[in-house]
Amino acid sequence: MSLIDLLPQARSLWTVWFFLVFLGVVTWTLWPGRRRELEARGRIPLDDDQPQGGGRHGR
């Protein structure tokens, strides 16, 4: 059996592998116990942080 003969099987296995990885990432992201952490990370761009003084542009 040569590598050319294994190509169709390898293609289907990669499809299954990536689908399982995708499902794992979605499950990990949407797991109920991670809700607080993900909400806190989602608020980071909206937080109004005051710039730290002492830098070149600090006032």
C-alpha atoms as a PDB file:
ATOM      1  CA  MET A   1       0.000   0.000   0.000  1.00  0.00           C
ATOM      2  CA  SER A   2       1.487   3.327  -1.031  1.00  0.00           C
ATOM      3  CA  LEU A   3       0.911   6.834   0.248  1.00  0.00           C
ATOM      4  CA  ILE A   4      -1.221   7.592  -2.809  1.00  0.00           C
ATOM      5  CA  ASP A   5      -3.624   4.842  -1.725  1.00  0.00           C
ATOM      6  CA  LEU A   6      -3.867   6.320   1.784  1.00  0.00           C
ATOM      7  CA  LEU A   7      -4.667   9.859   0.626  1.00  0.00           C
ATOM      8  CA  PRO A   8      -8.507   9.511   0.509  1.00  0.00           C
ATOM      9  CA  GLN A   9      -8.553   7.983   4.005  1.00  0.00           C
ATOM     10  CA  ALA A  10      -6.211  10.638   5.363  1.00  0.00           C
ATOM     11  CA  ARG A  11      -8.428  13.397   3.978  1.00  0.00           C
ATOM     12  CA  SER A  12     -11.490  12.026   5.750  1.00  0.00           C
ATOM     13  CA  LEU A  13      -9.565  11.555   9.003  1.00  0.00           C
ATOM     14  CA  TRP A  14      -8.343  15.175   8.913  1.00  0.00           C
ATOM     15  CA  THR A  15     -11.900  16.345   8.404  1.00  0.00           C
ATOM     16  CA  VAL A  16     -13.075  14.339  11.406  1.00  0.00           C
ATOM     17  CA  TRP A  17     -10.078  15.502  13.492  1.00  0.00           C
ATOM     18  CA  PHE A  18     -10.664  19.201  12.794  1.00  0.00           C
ATOM     19  CA  PHE A  19     -14.391  18.831  13.439  1.00  0.00           C
ATOM     20  CA  LEU A  20     -13.669  17.248  16.829  1.00  0.00           C
ATOM     21  CA  VAL A  21     -11.187  20.007  17.672  1.00  0.00           C
ATOM     22  CA  PHE A  22     -13.788  22.613  16.679  1.00  0.00           C
ATOM     23  CA  LEU A  23     -16.403  20.989  18.915  1.00  0.00           C
ATOM     24  CA  GLY A  24     -13.888  20.870  21.771  1.00  0.00           C
ATOM     25  CA  VAL A  25     -13.096  24.580  21.461  1.00  0.00           C
ATOM     26  CA  VAL A  26     -16.786  25.518  21.316  1.00  0.00           C
ATOM     27  CA  THR A  27     -17.560  23.327  24.334  1.00  0.00           C
ATOM     28  CA  TRP A  28     -14.610  24.755  26.288  1.00  0.00           C
ATOM     29  CA  THR A  29     -15.681  28.310  25.475  1.00  0.00           C
ATOM     30  CA  LEU A  30     -19.352  27.898  26.290  1.00  0.00           C
ATOM     31  CA  TRP A  31     -18.876  25.774  29.439  1.00  0.00           C
ATOM     32  CA  PRO A  32     -21.116  27.253  32.185  1.00  0.00           C
ATOM     33  CA  GLY A  33     -18.309  27.471  34.764  1.00  0.00           C
ATOM     34  CA  ARG A  34     -16.283  29.822  32.553  1.00  0.00           C
ATOM     35  CA  ARG A  35     -19.009  32.440  32.273  1.00  0.00           C
ATOM     36  CA  ARG A  36     -17.606  34.943  34.802  1.00  0.00           C
ATOM     37  CA  GLU A  37     -14.119  34.772  33.348  1.00  0.00           C
ATOM     38  CA  LEU A  38     -15.335  35.251  29.778  1.00  0.00           C
ATOM     39  CA  GLU A  39     -17.611  38.144  30.749  1.00  0.00           C
ATOM     40  CA  ALA A  40     -14.701  39.835  32.540  1.00  0.00           C
ATOM     41  CA  ARG A  41     -12.499  39.414  29.475  1.00  0.00           C
ATOM     42  CA  GLY A  42     -15.277  40.748  27.267  1.00  0.00           C
ATOM     43  CA  ARG A  43     -15.462  43.954  29.328  1.00  0.00           C
ATOM     44  CA  ILE A  44     -11.731  44.727  28.997  1.00  0.00           C
ATOM     45  CA  PRO A  45     -12.075  46.906  25.868  1.00  0.00           C
ATOM     46  CA  LEU A  46     -14.910  48.855  27.484  1.00  0.00           C
ATOM     47  CA  ASP A  47     -13.109  49.671  30.736  1.00  0.00           C
ATOM     48  CA  ASP A  48     -12.108  53.315  31.020  1.00  0.00           C
ATOM     49  CA  ASP A  49      -8.648  53.101  32.492  1.00  0.00           C
ATOM     50  CA  GLN A  50      -6.824  56.283  33.334  1.00  0.00           C
ATOM     51  CA  PRO A  51      -3.342  56.460  31.791  1.00  0.00           C
ATOM     52  CA  GLN A  52      -0.476  55.962  34.205  1.00  0.00           C
ATOM     53  CA  GLY A  53       1.551  59.151  34.731  1.00  0.00           C
ATOM     54  CA  GLY A  54       5.306  59.405  34.562  1.00  0.00           C
ATOM     55  CA  GLY A  55       5.635  58.470  30.937  1.00  0.00           C
ATOM     56  CA  ARG A  56       6.623  60.680  28.084  1.00  0.00           C
ATOM     57  CA  HIS A  57       3.016  61.624  27.384  1.00  0.00           C
ATOM     58  CA  GLY A  58       1.764  61.481  30.979  1.00  0.00           C
ATOM     59  CA  ARG A  59       0.093  64.638  32.278  1.00  0.00           C
END
